[in-house]
Protein backbone atom coordinates (compact mmCIF):
# COMPACT_ATOMS: atom_id res chain seq x y z
CA UNK A 1 0.00 0.00 0.00
CA UNK A 2 2.85 2.36 0.84
CA UNK A 3 4.46 1.66 -2.54
CA UNK A 4 1.24 2.57 -4.31
CA UNK A 5 0.98 5.82 -2.35
CA UNK A 6 4.59 6.69 -3.22
CA UNK A 7 4.05 5.89 -6.91
CA UNK A 8 0.88 7.97 -7.04
CA UNK A 9 2.66 10.86 -5.34
CA UNK A 10 5.45 10.74 -7.92
CA UNK A 11 2.93 10.60 -10.76
CA UNK A 12 1.03 13.56 -9.35
CA UNK A 13 4.29 15.55 -9.12
CA UNK A 14 4.80 15.13 -12.86
CA UNK A 15 1.48 16.76 -13.67
CA UNK A 16 1.49 19.41 -10.94
CA UNK A 17 2.20 22.91 -12.18
CA UNK A 18 5.33 24.32 -10.69
CA UNK A 19 5.58 28.08 -10.19
CA UNK A 20 7.67 29.85 -12.79
CA UNK A 21 10.16 32.33 -11.45
CA UNK A 22 9.65 35.82 -12.83
CA UNK A 23 12.98 37.53 -13.27
CA UNK A 24 13.68 41.24 -13.41
CA UNK A 25 13.93 42.07 -17.13
CA UNK A 26 16.90 44.37 -16.52
CA UNK A 27 18.82 41.58 -14.78
CA UNK A 28 18.01 39.30 -17.71
CA UNK A 29 19.16 41.91 -20.24
CA UNK A 30 22.37 42.54 -18.32
CA UNK A 31 23.17 38.82 -18.19
CA UNK A 32 22.43 38.36 -21.89
CA UNK A 33 24.66 41.33 -22.75
CA UNK A 34 27.53 40.04 -20.61
CA UNK A 35 27.18 36.52 -22.04
CA UNK A 36 27.37 37.99 -25.54
CA UNK A 37 30.51 39.98 -24.71
CA UNK A 38 32.21 36.98 -23.15
CA UNK A 39 31.23 34.68 -26.04
CA UNK A 40 32.76 37.20 -28.45
CA UNK A 41 35.91 37.38 -26.33
CA UNK A 42 36.22 33.58 -26.30
CA UNK A 43 35.95 33.49 -30.10
CA UNK A 44 38.51 36.31 -30.41
CA UNK A 45 41.01 34.50 -28.19
CA UNK A 46 40.51 31.20 -30.02
CA UNK A 47 41.01 32.73 -33.47
CA UNK A 48 43.76 35.29 -32.79
CA UNK A 49 46.95 34.21 -34.56
CA UNK A 50 49.22 35.63 -31.86
CA UNK A 51 48.12 36.32 -28.34
CA UNK A 52 50.17 36.37 -25.18
CA UNK A 53 49.17 33.74 -22.58
CA UNK A 54 46.35 32.38 -24.75
CA UNK A 55 45.58 29.36 -22.56
CA UNK A 56 45.48 31.43 -19.38
CA UNK A 57 43.21 34.06 -20.92
CA UNK A 58 40.91 31.45 -22.42
CA UNK A 59 40.56 29.63 -19.10
CA UNK A 60 39.78 32.90 -17.29
CA UNK A 61 37.16 34.04 -19.81
CA UNK A 62 35.55 30.59 -19.95
CA UNK A 63 35.34 30.51 -16.15
CA UNK A 64 33.59 33.91 -16.17
CA UNK A 65 31.26 32.72 -18.95
CA UNK A 66 30.42 29.54 -17.02
CA UNK A 67 29.66 31.53 -13.86
CA UNK A 68 27.31 33.78 -15.82
CA UNK A 69 25.64 30.75 -17.41
CA UNK A 70 25.00 29.36 -13.93
CA UNK A 71 23.49 32.67 -12.83
CA UNK A 72 21.37 32.87 -16.00
CA UNK A 73 20.07 29.34 -15.41
CA UNK A 74 19.06 30.23 -11.86
CA UNK A 75 17.36 33.40 -13.10
CA UNK A 76 15.54 31.52 -15.87
CA UNK A 77 14.39 28.78 -13.50
CA UNK A 78 16.40 25.97 -15.07
CA UNK A 79 16.48 23.12 -12.55
CA UNK A 80 19.93 21.96 -11.53
CA UNK A 81 20.70 18.51 -12.85
CA UNK A 82 23.28 15.97 -11.88
CA UNK A 83 25.40 15.87 -14.95
CA UNK A 84 28.83 16.71 -16.18
CA UNK A 85 31.03 18.96 -14.11
CA UNK A 86 32.14 22.28 -15.53
CA UNK A 87 33.27 21.99 -19.13
CA UNK A 88 32.09 21.89 -22.71
CA UNK A 89 29.29 19.39 -22.07
CA UNK A 90 27.73 21.29 -19.19
CA UNK A 91 28.17 24.60 -21.03
CA UNK A 92 26.37 23.19 -24.07
CA UNK A 93 23.51 21.80 -21.95
CA UNK A 94 23.02 25.11 -20.14
CA UNK A 95 23.09 27.06 -23.41
CA UNK A 96 20.43 24.73 -24.84
CA UNK A 97 18.22 25.09 -21.75
CA UNK A 98 18.46 28.88 -21.91
CA UNK A 99 17.80 28.95 -25.66
CA UNK A 100 14.71 26.78 -25.11
CA UNK A 101 13.47 29.44 -22.70
CA UNK A 102 13.92 32.23 -25.26
CA UNK A 103 17.30 33.55 -24.17
CA UNK A 104 19.70 34.83 -26.80
CA UNK A 105 23.06 36.53 -26.71
C-alpha atoms as a PDB file:
ATOM      1  CA  UNK A   1       0.000   0.000   0.000  1.00  0.00           C
ATOM      2  CA  UNK A   2       2.851   2.359   0.839  1.00  0.00           C
ATOM      3  CA  UNK A   3       4.462   1.661  -2.542  1.00  0.00           C
ATOM      4  CA  UNK A   4       1.239   2.566  -4.310  1.00  0.00           C
ATOM      5  CA  UNK A   5       0.978   5.822  -2.351  1.00  0.00           C
ATOM      6  CA  UNK A   6       4.590   6.690  -3.217  1.00  0.00           C
ATOM      7  CA  UNK A   7       4.049   5.894  -6.907  1.00  0.00           C
ATOM      8  CA  UNK A   8       0.877   7.967  -7.040  1.00  0.00           C
ATOM      9  CA  UNK A   9       2.662  10.856  -5.339  1.00  0.00           C
ATOM     10  CA  UNK A  10       5.451  10.736  -7.919  1.00  0.00           C
ATOM     11  CA  UNK A  11       2.934  10.599 -10.759  1.00  0.00           C
ATOM     12  CA  UNK A  12       1.028  13.563  -9.348  1.00  0.00           C
ATOM     13  CA  UNK A  13       4.287  15.546  -9.125  1.00  0.00           C
ATOM     14  CA  UNK A  14       4.802  15.131 -12.863  1.00  0.00           C
ATOM     15  CA  UNK A  15       1.484  16.764 -13.673  1.00  0.00           C
ATOM     16  CA  UNK A  16       1.487  19.406 -10.943  1.00  0.00           C
ATOM     17  CA  UNK A  17       2.199  22.907 -12.180  1.00  0.00           C
ATOM     18  CA  UNK A  18       5.334  24.317 -10.687  1.00  0.00           C
ATOM     19  CA  UNK A  19       5.583  28.084 -10.186  1.00  0.00           C
ATOM     20  CA  UNK A  20       7.670  29.853 -12.791  1.00  0.00           C
ATOM     21  CA  UNK A  21      10.163  32.331 -11.451  1.00  0.00           C
ATOM     22  CA  UNK A  22       9.646  35.822 -12.827  1.00  0.00           C
ATOM     23  CA  UNK A  23      12.979  37.529 -13.275  1.00  0.00           C
ATOM     24  CA  UNK A  24      13.676  41.236 -13.412  1.00  0.00           C
ATOM     25  CA  UNK A  25      13.929  42.072 -17.131  1.00  0.00           C
ATOM     26  CA  UNK A  26      16.902  44.373 -16.523  1.00  0.00           C
ATOM     27  CA  UNK A  27      18.821  41.580 -14.783  1.00  0.00           C
ATOM     28  CA  UNK A  28      18.010  39.302 -17.711  1.00  0.00           C
ATOM     29  CA  UNK A  29      19.155  41.908 -20.237  1.00  0.00           C
ATOM     30  CA  UNK A  30      22.373  42.542 -18.316  1.00  0.00           C
ATOM     31  CA  UNK A  31      23.166  38.822 -18.188  1.00  0.00           C
ATOM     32  CA  UNK A  32      22.434  38.363 -21.891  1.00  0.00           C
ATOM     33  CA  UNK A  33      24.664  41.329 -22.751  1.00  0.00           C
ATOM     34  CA  UNK A  34      27.534  40.040 -20.607  1.00  0.00           C
ATOM     35  CA  UNK A  35      27.178  36.522 -22.039  1.00  0.00           C
ATOM     36  CA  UNK A  36      27.368  37.994 -25.538  1.00  0.00           C
ATOM     37  CA  UNK A  37      30.506  39.979 -24.706  1.00  0.00           C
ATOM     38  CA  UNK A  38      32.212  36.977 -23.148  1.00  0.00           C
ATOM     39  CA  UNK A  39      31.235  34.682 -26.042  1.00  0.00           C
ATOM     40  CA  UNK A  40      32.756  37.199 -28.452  1.00  0.00           C
ATOM     41  CA  UNK A  41      35.909  37.385 -26.330  1.00  0.00           C
ATOM     42  CA  UNK A  42      36.222  33.582 -26.302  1.00  0.00           C
ATOM     43  CA  UNK A  43      35.950  33.490 -30.101  1.00  0.00           C
ATOM     44  CA  UNK A  44      38.513  36.313 -30.409  1.00  0.00           C
ATOM     45  CA  UNK A  45      41.010  34.499 -28.193  1.00  0.00           C
ATOM     46  CA  UNK A  46      40.507  31.196 -30.025  1.00  0.00           C
ATOM     47  CA  UNK A  47      41.007  32.729 -33.470  1.00  0.00           C
ATOM     48  CA  UNK A  48      43.757  35.289 -32.787  1.00  0.00           C
ATOM     49  CA  UNK A  49      46.953  34.209 -34.556  1.00  0.00           C
ATOM     50  CA  UNK A  50      49.225  35.634 -31.859  1.00  0.00           C
ATOM     51  CA  UNK A  51      48.121  36.325 -28.343  1.00  0.00           C
ATOM     52  CA  UNK A  52      50.167  36.368 -25.177  1.00  0.00           C
ATOM     53  CA  UNK A  53      49.165  33.735 -22.584  1.00  0.00           C
ATOM     54  CA  UNK A  54      46.354  32.376 -24.751  1.00  0.00           C
ATOM     55  CA  UNK A  55      45.575  29.357 -22.559  1.00  0.00           C
ATOM     56  CA  UNK A  56      45.475  31.429 -19.376  1.00  0.00           C
ATOM     57  CA  UNK A  57      43.207  34.061 -20.923  1.00  0.00           C
ATOM     58  CA  UNK A  58      40.913  31.453 -22.423  1.00  0.00           C
ATOM     59  CA  UNK A  59      40.558  29.631 -19.097  1.00  0.00           C
ATOM     60  CA  UNK A  60      39.776  32.900 -17.291  1.00  0.00           C
ATOM     61  CA  UNK A  61      37.161  34.039 -19.810  1.00  0.00           C
ATOM     62  CA  UNK A  62      35.550  30.585 -19.951  1.00  0.00           C
ATOM     63  CA  UNK A  63      35.336  30.512 -16.146  1.00  0.00           C
ATOM     64  CA  UNK A  64      33.591  33.905 -16.167  1.00  0.00           C
ATOM     65  CA  UNK A  65      31.258  32.717 -18.949  1.00  0.00           C
ATOM     66  CA  UNK A  66      30.423  29.540 -17.019  1.00  0.00           C
ATOM     67  CA  UNK A  67      29.660  31.525 -13.860  1.00  0.00           C
ATOM     68  CA  UNK A  68      27.306  33.785 -15.823  1.00  0.00           C
ATOM     69  CA  UNK A  69      25.644  30.754 -17.408  1.00  0.00           C
ATOM     70  CA  UNK A  70      24.995  29.356 -13.928  1.00  0.00           C
ATOM     71  CA  UNK A  71      23.492  32.667 -12.835  1.00  0.00           C
ATOM     72  CA  UNK A  72      21.368  32.868 -16.000  1.00  0.00           C
ATOM     73  CA  UNK A  73      20.066  29.340 -15.407  1.00  0.00           C
ATOM     74  CA  UNK A  74      19.061  30.233 -11.857  1.00  0.00           C
ATOM     75  CA  UNK A  75      17.362  33.396 -13.096  1.00  0.00           C
ATOM     76  CA  UNK A  76      15.538  31.516 -15.870  1.00  0.00           C
ATOM     77  CA  UNK A  77      14.392  28.778 -13.500  1.00  0.00           C
ATOM     78  CA  UNK A  78      16.401  25.968 -15.068  1.00  0.00           C
ATOM     79  CA  UNK A  79      16.475  23.120 -12.555  1.00  0.00           C
ATOM     80  CA  UNK A  80      19.927  21.961 -11.534  1.00  0.00           C
ATOM     81  CA  UNK A  81      20.704  18.506 -12.850  1.00  0.00           C
ATOM     82  CA  UNK A  82      23.276  15.974 -11.880  1.00  0.00           C
ATOM     83  CA  UNK A  83      25.396  15.868 -14.947  1.00  0.00           C
ATOM     84  CA  UNK A  84      28.830  16.712 -16.176  1.00  0.00           C
ATOM     85  CA  UNK A  85      31.031  18.963 -14.111  1.00  0.00           C
ATOM     86  CA  UNK A  86      32.136  22.282 -15.525  1.00  0.00           C
ATOM     87  CA  UNK A  87      33.273  21.988 -19.125  1.00  0.00           C
ATOM     88  CA  UNK A  88      32.094  21.894 -22.709  1.00  0.00           C
ATOM     89  CA  UNK A  89      29.293  19.390 -22.074  1.00  0.00           C
ATOM     90  CA  UNK A  90      27.732  21.294 -19.194  1.00  0.00           C
ATOM     91  CA  UNK A  91      28.167  24.602 -21.027  1.00  0.00           C
ATOM     92  CA  UNK A  92      26.370  23.186 -24.069  1.00  0.00           C
ATOM     93  CA  UNK A  93      23.510  21.797 -21.952  1.00  0.00           C
ATOM     94  CA  UNK A  94      23.020  25.109 -20.141  1.00  0.00           C
ATOM     95  CA  UNK A  95      23.086  27.060 -23.408  1.00  0.00           C
ATOM     96  CA  UNK A  96      20.428  24.735 -24.843  1.00  0.00           C
ATOM     97  CA  UNK A  97      18.224  25.093 -21.751  1.00  0.00           C
ATOM     98  CA  UNK A  98      18.460  28.880 -21.912  1.00  0.00           C
ATOM     99  CA  UNK A  99      17.800  28.951 -25.658  1.00  0.00           C
ATOM    100  CA  UNK A 100      14.709  26.783 -25.115  1.00  0.00           C
ATOM    101  CA  UNK A 101      13.471  29.437 -22.699  1.00  0.00           C
ATOM    102  CA  UNK A 102      13.917  32.230 -25.258  1.00  0.00           C
ATOM    103  CA  UNK A 103      17.302  33.553 -24.172  1.00  0.00           C
ATOM    104  CA  UNK A 104      19.699  34.827 -26.802  1.00  0.00           C
ATOM    105  CA  UNK A 105      23.062  36.530 -26.711  1.00  0.00           C
END
